[in-house]
Amino acid sequence: MVAHSSTSDTLQAWLVRLLLALLIGTLAGIIAYLSARAIGAAWLLLHQQELIEATRQALQQGVMGLADTNLRALRLAAEAEQNRIAELSAWFSLGMAFLAAVVTFVRLEWLQQ
């Protein structure tokens, strides 16, 4: 009976360390995702000045301003770039979450011994 209790306690402690590592990994992934999206949004804003200028021109000049620019093509290009940034952010966050979970778990296991 005593050996079973010790094994149960060991398993429970291991599961707690595993859940803690997963929680820290998840939080690190969320922070990495939000950071990557913020950096991507700033990069997109800096590199889409033509779209901003075309939108400003269309708003100032009305329908006649639309004839001078291809606002739809510029908007579609910006959306495609935004989708690429979202995909890269998701992959980055998954990698960071995995790395943080593994490092945390190894660190907790090392501290346990």
PDB file of N, CA and C in Angstrom:
ATOM      1  N   MET A   1       0.803  -1.195   0.000  1.00  0.00           N
ATOM      2  CA  MET A   1       0.000   0.000   0.000  1.00  0.00           C
ATOM      3  C   MET A   1       0.848   1.261   0.000  1.00  0.00           C
ATOM      4  N   VAL A   2       1.923   1.258   0.745  1.00  0.00           N
ATOM      5  CA  VAL A   2       2.764   2.433   0.847  1.00  0.00           C
ATOM      6  C   VAL A   2       3.446   2.697  -0.493  1.00  0.00           C
ATOM      7  N   ALA A   3       3.895   1.659  -1.175  1.00  0.00           N
ATOM      8  CA  ALA A   3       4.544   1.829  -2.475  1.00  0.00           C
ATOM      9  C   ALA A   3       3.560   2.404  -3.486  1.00  0.00           C
ATOM     10  N   HIS A   4       2.316   1.978  -3.439  1.00  0.00           N
ATOM     11  CA  HIS A   4       1.300   2.499  -4.351  1.00  0.00           C
ATOM     12  C   HIS A   4       1.044   3.975  -4.095  1.00  0.00           C
ATOM     13  N   SER A   5       1.012   4.369  -2.838  1.00  0.00           N
ATOM     14  CA  SER A   5       0.798   5.766  -2.486  1.00  0.00           C
ATOM     15  C   SER A   5       1.964   6.635  -2.946  1.00  0.00           C
ATOM     16  N   SER A   6       3.168   6.133  -2.802  1.00  0.00           N
ATOM     17  CA  SER A   6       4.346   6.881  -3.235  1.00  0.00           C
ATOM     18  C   SER A   6       4.351   7.047  -4.753  1.00  0.00           C
ATOM     19  N   THR A   7       3.980   5.999  -5.463  1.00  0.00           N
ATOM     20  CA  THR A   7       3.914   6.065  -6.921  1.00  0.00           C
ATOM     21  C   THR A   7       2.831   7.040  -7.348  1.00  0.00           C
ATOM     22  N   SER A   8       1.713   7.038  -6.665  1.00  0.00           N
ATOM     23  CA  SER A   8       0.619   7.956  -6.969  1.00  0.00           C
ATOM     24  C   SER A   8       1.037   9.400  -6.725  1.00  0.00           C
ATOM     25  N   ASP A   9       1.751   9.638  -5.629  1.00  0.00           N
ATOM     26  CA  ASP A   9       2.235  10.991  -5.335  1.00  0.00           C
ATOM     27  C   ASP A   9       3.242  11.444  -6.383  1.00  0.00           C
ATOM     28  N   THR A  10       4.104  10.548  -6.812  1.00  0.00           N
ATOM     29  CA  THR A  10       5.100  10.881  -7.827  1.00  0.00           C
ATOM     30  C   THR A  10       4.419  11.211  -9.151  1.00  0.00           C
ATOM     31  N   LEU A  11       3.436  10.413  -9.519  1.00  0.00           N
ATOM     32  CA  LEU A  11       2.699  10.653 -10.758  1.00  0.00           C
ATOM     33  C   LEU A  11       1.938  11.971 -10.683  1.00  0.00           C
ATOM     34  N   GLN A  12       1.335  12.235  -9.542  1.00  0.00           N
ATOM     35  CA  GLN A  12       0.591  13.482  -9.381  1.00  0.00           C
ATOM     36  C   GLN A  12       1.529  14.690  -9.452  1.00  0.00           C
ATOM     37  N   ALA A  13       2.687  14.594  -8.834  1.00  0.00           N
ATOM     38  CA  ALA A  13       3.651  15.694  -8.891  1.00  0.00           C
ATOM     39  C   ALA A  13       4.144  15.901 -10.325  1.00  0.00           C
ATOM     40  N   TRP A  14       4.371  14.805 -11.049  1.00  0.00           N
ATOM     41  CA  TRP A  14       4.809  14.901 -12.443  1.00  0.00           C
ATOM     42  C   TRP A  14       3.729  15.559 -13.300  1.00  0.00           C
ATOM     43  N   LEU A  15       2.467  15.189 -13.083  1.00  0.00           N
ATOM     44  CA  LEU A  15       1.367  15.790 -13.838  1.00  0.00           C
ATOM     45  C   LEU A  15       1.222  17.280 -13.526  1.00  0.00           C
ATOM     46  N   VAL A  16       1.438  17.655 -12.288  1.00  0.00           N
ATOM     47  CA  VAL A  16       1.375  19.076 -11.922  1.00  0.00           C
ATOM     48  C   VAL A  16       2.476  19.845 -12.638  1.00  0.00           C
ATOM     49  N   ARG A  17       3.683  19.286 -12.668  1.00  0.00           N
ATOM     50  CA  ARG A  17       4.779  19.946 -13.382  1.00  0.00           C
ATOM     51  C   ARG A  17       4.485  20.038 -14.881  1.00  0.00           C
ATOM     52  N   LEU A  18       3.907  18.994 -15.436  1.00  0.00           N
ATOM     53  CA  LEU A  18       3.554  18.992 -16.854  1.00  0.00           C
ATOM     54  C   LEU A  18       2.489  20.049 -17.153  1.00  0.00           C
ATOM     55  N   LEU A  19       1.459  20.126 -16.333  1.00  0.00           N
ATOM     56  CA  LEU A  19       0.409  21.131 -16.539  1.00  0.00           C
ATOM     57  C   LEU A  19       0.946  22.546 -16.364  1.00  0.00           C
ATOM     58  N   LEU A  20       1.836  22.735 -15.407  1.00  0.00           N
ATOM     59  CA  LEU A  20       2.437  24.050 -15.209  1.00  0.00           C
ATOM     60  C   LEU A  20       3.280  24.443 -16.426  1.00  0.00           C
ATOM     61  N   ALA A  21       4.028  23.500 -16.971  1.00  0.00           N
ATOM     62  CA  ALA A  21       4.833  23.773 -18.164  1.00  0.00           C
ATOM     63  C   ALA A  21       3.936  24.102 -19.353  1.00  0.00           C
ATOM     64  N   LEU A  22       2.833  23.386 -19.507  1.00  0.00           N
ATOM     65  CA  LEU A  22       1.896  23.678 -20.600  1.00  0.00           C
ATOM     66  C   LEU A  22       1.247  25.042 -20.433  1.00  0.00           C
ATOM     67  N   LEU A  23       0.915  25.398 -19.216  1.00  0.00           N
ATOM     68  CA  LEU A  23       0.326  26.708 -18.952  1.00  0.00           C
ATOM     69  C   LEU A  23       1.314  27.829 -19.274  1.00  0.00           C
ATOM     70  N   ILE A  24       2.544  27.685 -18.840  1.00  0.00           N
ATOM     71  CA  ILE A  24       3.562  28.700 -19.132  1.00  0.00           C
ATOM     72  C   ILE A  24       3.826  28.765 -20.630  1.00  0.00           C
ATOM     73  N   GLY A  25       3.864  27.612 -21.291  1.00  0.00           N
ATOM     74  CA  GLY A  25       4.048  27.591 -22.737  1.00  0.00           C
ATOM     75  C   GLY A  25       2.914  28.283 -23.466  1.00  0.00           C
ATOM     76  N   THR A  26       1.697  28.056 -23.019  1.00  0.00           N
ATOM     77  CA  THR A  26       0.538  28.705 -23.630  1.00  0.00           C
ATOM     78  C   THR A  26       0.591  30.218 -23.458  1.00  0.00           C
ATOM     79  N   LEU A  27       0.915  30.659 -22.261  1.00  0.00           N
ATOM     80  CA  LEU A  27       1.022  32.098 -22.019  1.00  0.00           C
ATOM     81  C   LEU A  27       2.146  32.722 -22.848  1.00  0.00           C
ATOM     82  N   ALA A  28       3.269  32.032 -22.959  1.00  0.00           N
ATOM     83  CA  ALA A  28       4.370  32.534 -23.779  1.00  0.00           C
ATOM     84  C   ALA A  28       3.952  32.594 -25.246  1.00  0.00           C
ATOM     85  N   GLY A  29       3.192  31.610 -25.705  1.00  0.00           N
ATOM     86  CA  GLY A  29       2.704  31.613 -27.083  1.00  0.00           C
ATOM     87  C   GLY A  29       1.747  32.762 -27.352  1.00  0.00           C
ATOM     88  N   ILE A  30       0.880  33.043 -26.405  1.00  0.00           N
ATOM     89  CA  ILE A  30      -0.063  34.164 -26.560  1.00  0.00           C
ATOM     90  C   ILE A  30       0.692  35.486 -26.626  1.00  0.00           C
ATOM     91  N   ILE A  31       1.658  35.647 -25.742  1.00  0.00           N
ATOM     92  CA  ILE A  31       2.450  36.885 -25.754  1.00  0.00           C
ATOM     93  C   ILE A  31       3.239  37.003 -27.053  1.00  0.00           C
ATOM     94  N   ALA A  32       3.809  35.891 -27.517  1.00  0.00           N
ATOM     95  CA  ALA A  32       4.568  35.913 -28.773  1.00  0.00           C
ATOM     96  C   ALA A  32       3.657  36.250 -29.949  1.00  0.00           C
ATOM     97  N   TYR A  33       2.438  35.704 -29.958  1.00  0.00           N
ATOM     98  CA  TYR A  33       1.497  35.979 -31.048  1.00  0.00           C
ATOM     99  C   TYR A  33       1.114  37.459 -31.076  1.00  0.00           C
ATOM    100  N   LEU A  34       0.761  37.990 -29.920  1.00  0.00           N
ATOM    101  CA  LEU A  34       0.364  39.395 -29.860  1.00  0.00           C
ATOM    102  C   LEU A  34       1.522  40.318 -30.236  1.00  0.00           C
ATOM    103  N   SER A  35       2.710  39.978 -29.786  1.00  0.00           N
ATOM    104  CA  SER A  35       3.885  40.790 -30.131  1.00  0.00           C
ATOM    105  C   SER A  35       4.164  40.736 -31.628  1.00  0.00           C
ATOM    106  N   ALA A  36       4.103  39.545 -32.202  1.00  0.00           N
ATOM    107  CA  ALA A  36       4.361  39.404 -33.635  1.00  0.00           C
ATOM    108  C   ALA A  36       3.308  40.128 -34.463  1.00  0.00           C
ATOM    109  N   ARG A  37       2.053  40.069 -34.028  1.00  0.00           N
ATOM    110  CA  ARG A  37       1.006  40.787 -34.762  1.00  0.00           C
ATOM    111  C   ARG A  37       1.209  42.298 -34.667  1.00  0.00           C
ATOM    112  N   ALA A  38       1.624  42.790 -33.513  1.00  0.00           N
ATOM    113  CA  ALA A  38       1.868  44.227 -33.358  1.00  0.00           C
ATOM    114  C   ALA A  38       3.028  44.677 -34.236  1.00  0.00           C
ATOM    115  N   ILE A  39       4.093  43.910 -34.253  1.00  0.00           N
ATOM    116  CA  ILE A  39       5.235  44.246 -35.102  1.00  0.00           C
ATOM    117  C   ILE A  39       4.829  44.171 -36.564  1.00  0.00           C
ATOM    118  N   GLY A  40       4.054  43.149 -36.925  1.00  0.00           N
ATOM    119  CA  GLY A  40       3.580  43.019 -38.302  1.00  0.00           C
ATOM    120  C   GLY A  40       2.669  44.164 -38.716  1.00  0.00           C
ATOM    121  N   ALA A  41       1.815  44.607 -37.808  1.00  0.00           N
ATOM    122  CA  ALA A  41       0.923  45.727 -38.123  1.00  0.00           C
ATOM    123  C   ALA A  41       1.712  47.014 -38.330  1.00  0.00           C
ATOM    124  N   ALA A  42       2.730  47.227 -37.508  1.00  0.00           N
ATOM    125  CA  ALA A  42       3.569  48.420 -37.685  1.00  0.00           C
ATOM    126  C   ALA A  42       4.335  48.346 -39.004  1.00  0.00           C
ATOM    127  N   TRP A  43       4.856  47.174 -39.326  1.00  0.00           N
ATOM    128  CA  TRP A  43       5.570  46.990 -40.589  1.00  0.00           C
ATOM    129  C   TRP A  43       4.630  47.232 -41.769  1.00  0.00           C
ATOM    130  N   LEU A  44       3.407  46.699 -41.680  1.00  0.00           N
ATOM    131  CA  LEU A  44       2.429  46.876 -42.753  1.00  0.00           C
ATOM    132  C   LEU A  44       2.076  48.348 -42.932  1.00  0.00           C
ATOM    133  N   LEU A  45       1.913  49.046 -41.835  1.00  0.00           N
ATOM    134  CA  LEU A  45       1.601  50.476 -41.904  1.00  0.00           C
ATOM    135  C   LEU A  45       2.718  51.256 -42.588  1.00  0.00           C
ATOM    136  N   LEU A  46       3.954  50.909 -42.284  1.00  0.00           N
ATOM    137  CA  LEU A  46       5.088  51.600 -42.901  1.00  0.00           C
ATOM    138  C   LEU A  46       5.227  51.292 -44.393  1.00  0.00           C
ATOM    139  N   HIS A  47       4.846  50.087 -44.793  1.00  0.00           N
ATOM    140  CA  HIS A  47       5.047  49.670 -46.171  1.00  0.00           C
ATOM    141  C   HIS A  47       3.809  49.806 -47.047  1.00  0.00           C
ATOM    142  N   GLN A  48       2.749  50.354 -46.520  1.00  0.00           N
ATOM    143  CA  GLN A  48       1.536  50.542 -47.314  1.00  0.00           C
ATOM    144  C   GLN A  48       1.186  52.022 -47.451  1.00  0.00           C
ATOM    145  N   GLN A  49       2.193  52.844 -47.573  1.00  0.00           N
ATOM    146  CA  GLN A  49       1.958  54.281 -47.699  1.00  0.00           C
ATOM    147  C   GLN A  49       1.216  54.613 -48.996  1.00  0.00           C
ATOM    148  N   GLU A  50       1.431  53.835 -50.037  1.00  0.00           N
ATOM    149  CA  GLU A  50       0.731  54.086 -51.304  1.00  0.00           C
ATOM    150  C   GLU A  50      -0.782  53.905 -51.126  1.00  0.00           C
ATOM    151  N   LEU A  51      -1.170  52.878 -50.382  1.00  0.00           N
ATOM    152  CA  LEU A  51      -2.596  52.656 -50.109  1.00  0.00           C
ATOM    153  C   LEU A  51      -3.164  53.801 -49.271  1.00  0.00           C
ATOM    154  N   ILE A  52      -2.419  54.230 -48.287  1.00  0.00           N
ATOM    155  CA  ILE A  52      -2.888  55.327 -47.437  1.00  0.00           C
ATOM    156  C   ILE A  52      -3.038  56.606 -48.254  1.00  0.00           C
ATOM    157  N   GLU A  53      -2.062  56.868 -49.110  1.00  0.00           N
ATOM    158  CA  GLU A  53      -2.124  58.061 -49.953  1.00  0.00           C
ATOM    159  C   GLU A  53      -3.282  57.975 -50.944  1.00  0.00           C
ATOM    160  N   ALA A  54      -3.511  56.791 -51.525  1.00  0.00           N
ATOM    161  CA  ALA A  54      -4.622  56.631 -52.468  1.00  0.00           C
ATOM    162  C   ALA A  54      -5.967  56.795 -51.766  1.00  0.00           C
ATOM    163  N   THR A  55      -6.070  56.299 -50.559  1.00  0.00           N
ATOM    164  CA  THR A  55      -7.308  56.452 -49.792  1.00  0.00           C
ATOM    165  C   THR A  55      -7.540  57.919 -49.445  1.00  0.00           C
ATOM    166  N   ARG A  56      -6.477  58.605 -49.040  1.00  0.00           N
ATOM    167  CA  ARG A  56      -6.597  60.023 -48.729  1.00  0.00           C
ATOM    168  C   ARG A  56      -7.038  60.809 -49.959  1.00  0.00           C
ATOM    169  N   GLN A  57      -6.452  60.490 -51.104  1.00  0.00           N
ATOM    170  CA  GLN A  57      -6.802  61.176 -52.352  1.00  0.00           C
ATOM    171  C   GLN A  57      -8.254  60.912 -52.722  1.00  0.00           C
ATOM    172  N   ALA A  58      -8.699  59.665 -52.571  1.00  0.00           N
ATOM    173  CA  ALA A  58     -10.082  59.339 -52.901  1.00  0.00           C
ATOM    174  C   ALA A  58     -11.059  60.051 -51.979  1.00  0.00           C
ATOM    175  N   LEU A  59     -10.699  60.176 -50.703  1.00  0.00           N
ATOM    176  CA  LEU A  59     -11.579  60.860 -49.761  1.00  0.00           C
ATOM    177  C   LEU A  59     -11.623  62.365 -50.025  1.00  0.00           C
ATOM    178  N   GLN A  60     -10.510  62.921 -50.420  1.00  0.00           N
ATOM    179  CA  GLN A  60     -10.469  64.360 -50.675  1.00  0.00           C
ATOM    180  C   GLN A  60     -11.145  64.723 -51.990  1.00  0.00           C
ATOM    181  N   GLN A  61     -10.926  63.941 -53.033  1.00  0.00           N
ATOM    182  CA  GLN A  61     -11.411  64.297 -54.358  1.00  0.00           C
ATOM    183  C   GLN A  61     -12.710  63.596 -54.752  1.00  0.00           C
ATOM    184  N   GLY A  62     -13.170  62.688 -53.938  1.00  0.00           N
ATOM    185  CA  GLY A  62     -14.426  62.006 -54.228  1.00  0.00           C
ATOM    186  C   GLY A  62     -14.275  61.025 -55.376  1.00  0.00           C
ATOM    187  N   VAL A  63     -15.300  60.903 -56.198  1.00  0.00           N
ATOM    188  CA  VAL A  63     -15.334  59.936 -57.293  1.00  0.00           C
ATOM    189  C   VAL A  63     -14.221  60.208 -58.301  1.00  0.00           C
ATOM    190  N   MET A  64     -13.902  61.445 -58.534  1.00  0.00           N
ATOM    191  CA  MET A  64     -12.844  61.783 -59.486  1.00  0.00           C
ATOM    192  C   MET A  64     -11.474  61.298 -58.980  1.00  0.00           C
ATOM    193  N   GLY A  65     -11.285  61.262 -57.687  1.00  0.00           N
ATOM    194  CA  GLY A  65     -10.038  60.762 -57.119  1.00  0.00           C
ATOM    195  C   GLY A  65      -9.878  59.274 -57.299  1.00  0.00           C
ATOM    196  N   LEU A  66     -10.995  58.548 -57.369  1.00  0.00           N
ATOM    197  CA  LEU A  66     -10.940  57.108 -57.579  1.00  0.00           C
ATOM    198  C   LEU A  66     -10.460  56.751 -58.978  1.00  0.00           C
ATOM    199  N   ALA A  67     -10.713  57.607 -59.937  1.00  0.00           N
ATOM    200  CA  ALA A  67     -10.303  57.325 -61.309  1.00  0.00           C
ATOM    201  C   ALA A  67      -8.785  57.343 -61.462  1.00  0.00           C
ATOM    202  N   ASP A  68      -8.102  58.102 -60.641  1.00  0.00           N
ATOM    203  CA  ASP A  68      -6.651  58.220 -60.744  1.00  0.00           C
ATOM    204  C   ASP A  68      -5.901  57.097 -60.033  1.00  0.00           C
ATOM    205  N   THR A  69      -6.565  56.339 -59.171  1.00  0.00           N
ATOM    206  CA  THR A  69      -5.879  55.294 -58.405  1.00  0.00           C
ATOM    207  C   THR A  69      -6.596  53.961 -58.583  1.00  0.00           C
ATOM    208  N   ASN A  70      -5.872  52.900 -58.305  1.00  0.00           N
ATOM    209  CA  ASN A  70      -6.459  51.568 -58.306  1.00  0.00           C
ATOM    210  C   ASN A  70      -6.544  51.112 -56.847  1.00  0.00           C
ATOM    211  N   LEU A  71      -7.500  51.690 -56.158  1.00  0.00           N
ATOM    212  CA  LEU A  71      -7.636  51.471 -54.724  1.00  0.00           C
ATOM    213  C   LEU A  71      -7.929  50.009 -54.394  1.00  0.00           C
ATOM    214  N   ARG A  72      -8.709  49.350 -55.234  1.00  0.00           N
ATOM    215  CA  ARG A  72      -9.067  47.945 -54.978  1.00  0.00           C
ATOM    216  C   ARG A  72      -7.833  47.049 -55.025  1.00  0.00           C
ATOM    217  N   ALA A  73      -6.991  47.222 -56.013  1.00  0.00           N
ATOM    218  CA  ALA A  73      -5.777  46.406 -56.126  1.00  0.00           C
ATOM    219  C   ALA A  73      -4.844  46.649 -54.945  1.00  0.00           C
ATOM    220  N   LEU A  74      -4.731  47.895 -54.548  1.00  0.00           N
ATOM    221  CA  LEU A  74      -3.886  48.210 -53.398  1.00  0.00           C
ATOM    222  C   LEU A  74      -4.441  47.598 -52.115  1.00  0.00           C
ATOM    223  N   ARG A  75      -5.759  47.646 -51.968  1.00  0.00           N
ATOM    224  CA  ARG A  75      -6.393  47.056 -50.781  1.00  0.00           C
ATOM    225  C   ARG A  75      -6.217  45.542 -50.763  1.00  0.00           C
ATOM    226  N   LEU A  76      -6.371  44.888 -51.913  1.00  0.00           N
ATOM    227  CA  LEU A  76      -6.191  43.431 -51.979  1.00  0.00           C
ATOM    228  C   LEU A  76      -4.753  43.029 -51.667  1.00  0.00           C
ATOM    229  N   ALA A  77      -3.790  43.819 -52.140  1.00  0.00           N
ATOM    230  CA  ALA A  77      -2.386  43.541 -51.831  1.00  0.00           C
ATOM    231  C   ALA A  77      -2.123  43.697 -50.333  1.00  0.00           C
ATOM    232  N   ALA A  78      -2.718  44.714 -49.729  1.00  0.00           N
ATOM    233  CA  ALA A  78      -2.551  44.920 -48.291  1.00  0.00           C
ATOM    234  C   ALA A  78      -3.199  43.788 -47.497  1.00  0.00           C
ATOM    235  N   GLU A  79      -4.358  43.315 -47.936  1.00  0.00           N
ATOM    236  CA  GLU A  79      -5.016  42.195 -47.261  1.00  0.00           C
ATOM    237  C   GLU A  79      -4.192  40.923 -47.374  1.00  0.00           C
ATOM    238  N   ALA A  80      -3.612  40.678 -48.545  1.00  0.00           N
ATOM    239  CA  ALA A  80      -2.766  39.498 -48.719  1.00  0.00           C
ATOM    240  C   ALA A  80      -1.547  39.562 -47.802  1.00  0.00           C
ATOM    241  N   GLU A  81      -0.953  40.726 -47.687  1.00  0.00           N
ATOM    242  CA  GLU A  81       0.196  40.903 -46.797  1.00  0.00           C
ATOM    243  C   GLU A  81      -0.214  40.722 -45.348  1.00  0.00           C
ATOM    244  N   GLN A  82      -1.396  41.217 -44.997  1.00  0.00           N
ATOM    245  CA  GLN A  82      -1.894  41.055 -43.634  1.00  0.00           C
ATOM    246  C   GLN A  82      -2.146  39.577 -43.318  1.00  0.00           C
ATOM    247  N   ASN A  83      -2.675  38.838 -44.263  1.00  0.00           N
ATOM    248  CA  ASN A  83      -2.889  37.404 -44.061  1.00  0.00           C
ATOM    249  C   ASN A  83      -1.567  36.663 -43.891  1.00  0.00           C
ATOM    250  N   ARG A  84      -0.546  37.066 -44.651  1.00  0.00           N
ATOM    251  CA  ARG A  84       0.769  36.441 -44.527  1.00  0.00           C
ATOM    252  C   ARG A  84       1.367  36.739 -43.151  1.00  0.00           C
ATOM    253  N   ILE A  85       1.196  37.962 -42.676  1.00  0.00           N
ATOM    254  CA  ILE A  85       1.685  38.328 -41.348  1.00  0.00           C
ATOM    255  C   ILE A  85       0.956  37.528 -40.270  1.00  0.00           C
ATOM    256  N   ALA A  86      -0.346  37.334 -40.428  1.00  0.00           N
ATOM    257  CA  ALA A  86      -1.119  36.554 -39.450  1.00  0.00           C
ATOM    258  C   ALA A  86      -0.638  35.107 -39.414  1.00  0.00           C
ATOM    259  N   GLU A  87      -0.355  34.536 -40.584  1.00  0.00           N
ATOM    260  CA  GLU A  87       0.131  33.156 -40.640  1.00  0.00           C
ATOM    261  C   GLU A  87       1.515  33.030 -39.999  1.00  0.00           C
ATOM    262  N   LEU A  88       2.401  33.964 -40.317  1.00  0.00           N
ATOM    263  CA  LEU A  88       3.736  33.938 -39.710  1.00  0.00           C
ATOM    264  C   LEU A  88       3.660  34.123 -38.198  1.00  0.00           C
ATOM    265  N   SER A  89       2.757  34.970 -37.753  1.00  0.00           N
ATOM    266  CA  SER A  89       2.583  35.195 -36.315  1.00  0.00           C
ATOM    267  C   SER A  89       2.104  33.923 -35.623  1.00  0.00           C
ATOM    268  N   ALA A  90       1.195  33.211 -36.266  1.00  0.00           N
ATOM    269  CA  ALA A  90       0.684  31.971 -35.679  1.00  0.00           C
ATOM    270  C   ALA A  90       1.783  30.919 -35.575  1.00  0.00           C
ATOM    271  N   TRP A  91       2.575  30.768 -36.634  1.00  0.00           N
ATOM    272  CA  TRP A  91       3.677  29.798 -36.600  1.00  0.00           C
ATOM    273  C   TRP A  91       4.715  30.186 -35.548  1.00  0.00           C
ATOM    274  N   PHE A  92       5.027  31.469 -35.465  1.00  0.00           N
ATOM    275  CA  PHE A  92       5.984  31.949 -34.470  1.00  0.00           C
ATOM    276  C   PHE A  92       5.482  31.665 -33.057  1.00  0.00           C
ATOM    277  N   SER A  93       4.196  31.927 -32.831  1.00  0.00           N
ATOM    278  CA  SER A  93       3.655  31.711 -31.487  1.00  0.00           C
ATOM    279  C   SER A  93       3.626  30.229 -31.125  1.00  0.00           C
ATOM    280  N   LEU A  94       3.324  29.362 -32.088  1.00  0.00           N
ATOM    281  CA  LEU A  94       3.348  27.930 -31.798  1.00  0.00           C
ATOM    282  C   LEU A  94       4.757  27.468 -31.449  1.00  0.00           C
ATOM    283  N   GLY A  95       5.736  27.957 -32.183  1.00  0.00           N
ATOM    284  CA  GLY A  95       7.114  27.595 -31.882  1.00  0.00           C
ATOM    285  C   GLY A  95       7.551  28.071 -30.514  1.00  0.00           C
ATOM    286  N   MET A  96       7.200  29.300 -30.191  1.00  0.00           N
ATOM    287  CA  MET A  96       7.559  29.842 -28.889  1.00  0.00           C
ATOM    288  C   MET A  96       6.833  29.108 -27.758  1.00  0.00           C
ATOM    289  N   ALA A  97       5.577  28.765 -27.973  1.00  0.00           N
ATOM    290  CA  ALA A  97       4.823  28.032 -26.946  1.00  0.00           C
ATOM    291  C   ALA A  97       5.464  26.668 -26.702  1.00  0.00           C
ATOM    292  N   PHE A  98       5.817  25.972 -27.768  1.00  0.00           N
ATOM    293  CA  PHE A  98       6.448  24.666 -27.634  1.00  0.00           C
ATOM    294  C   PHE A  98       7.791  24.787 -26.923  1.00  0.00           C
ATOM    295  N   LEU A  99       8.599  25.737 -27.341  1.00  0.00           N
ATOM    296  CA  LEU A  99       9.920  25.926 -26.740  1.00  0.00           C
ATOM    297  C   LEU A  99       9.802  26.287 -25.257  1.00  0.00           C
ATOM    298  N   ALA A 100       8.895  27.187 -24.933  1.00  0.00           N
ATOM    299  CA  ALA A 100       8.723  27.588 -23.534  1.00  0.00           C
ATOM    300  C   ALA A 100       8.224  26.423 -22.679  1.00  0.00           C
ATOM    301  N   ALA A 101       7.314  25.629 -23.221  1.00  0.00           N
ATOM    302  CA  ALA A 101       6.794  24.483 -22.461  1.00  0.00           C
ATOM    303  C   ALA A 101       7.896  23.454 -22.211  1.00  0.00           C
ATOM    304  N   VAL A 102       8.683  23.161 -23.228  1.00  0.00           N
ATOM    305  CA  VAL A 102       9.751  22.174 -23.069  1.00  0.00           C
ATOM    306  C   VAL A 102      10.812  22.669 -22.087  1.00  0.00           C
ATOM    307  N   VAL A 103      11.244  23.915 -22.240  1.00  0.00           N
ATOM    308  CA  VAL A 103      12.267  24.459 -21.342  1.00  0.00           C
ATOM    309  C   VAL A 103      11.743  24.503 -19.909  1.00  0.00           C
ATOM    310  N   THR A 104      10.503  24.913 -19.728  1.00  0.00           N
ATOM    311  CA  THR A 104       9.930  24.966 -18.380  1.00  0.00           C
ATOM    312  C   THR A 104       9.842  23.578 -17.766  1.00  0.00           C
ATOM    313  N   PHE A 105       9.392  22.598 -18.553  1.00  0.00           N
ATOM    314  CA  PHE A 105       9.268  21.242 -18.027  1.00  0.00           C
ATOM    315  C   PHE A 105      10.636  20.677 -17.651  1.00  0.00           C
ATOM    316  N   VAL A 106      11.623  20.872 -18.517  1.00  0.00           N
ATOM    317  CA  VAL A 106      12.966  20.376 -18.208  1.00  0.00           C
ATOM    318  C   VAL A 106      13.504  21.062 -16.961  1.00  0.00           C
ATOM    319  N   ARG A 107      13.281  22.341 -16.849  1.00  0.00           N
ATOM    320  CA  ARG A 107      13.746  23.086 -15.679  1.00  0.00           C
ATOM    321  C   ARG A 107      13.057  22.592 -14.404  1.00  0.00           C
ATOM    322  N   LEU A 108      11.753  22.360 -14.464  1.00  0.00           N
ATOM    323  CA  LEU A 108      11.031  21.853 -13.286  1.00  0.00           C
ATOM    324  C   LEU A 108      11.496  20.453 -12.915  1.00  0.00           C
ATOM    325  N   GLU A 109      11.749  19.621 -13.902  1.00  0.00           N
ATOM    326  CA  GLU A 109      12.248  18.268 -13.627  1.00  0.00           C
ATOM    327  C   GLU A 109      13.637  18.322 -12.996  1.00  0.00           C
ATOM    328  N   TRP A 110      14.471  19.241 -13.493  1.00  0.00           N
ATOM    329  CA  TRP A 110      15.812  19.377 -12.950  1.00  0.00           C
ATOM    330  C   TRP A 110      15.767  19.858 -11.497  1.00  0.00           C
ATOM    331  N   LEU A 111      14.868  20.805 -11.220  1.00  0.00           N
ATOM    332  CA  LEU A 111      14.726  21.301  -9.849  1.00  0.00           C
ATOM    333  C   LEU A 111      14.174  20.231  -8.901  1.00  0.00           C
ATOM    334  N   GLN A 112      13.374  19.327  -9.443  1.00  0.00           N
ATOM    335  CA  GLN A 112      12.764  18.275  -8.621  1.00  0.00           C
ATOM    336  C   GLN A 112      13.821  17.277  -8.154  1.00  0.00           C
ATOM    337  N   GLN A 113      14.845  17.068  -8.960  1.00  0.00           N
ATOM    338  CA  GLN A 113      15.838  16.041  -8.605  1.00  0.00           C
ATOM    339  C   GLN A 113      16.951  16.582  -7.819  1.00  0.00           C
TER     340      GLN A 113
END
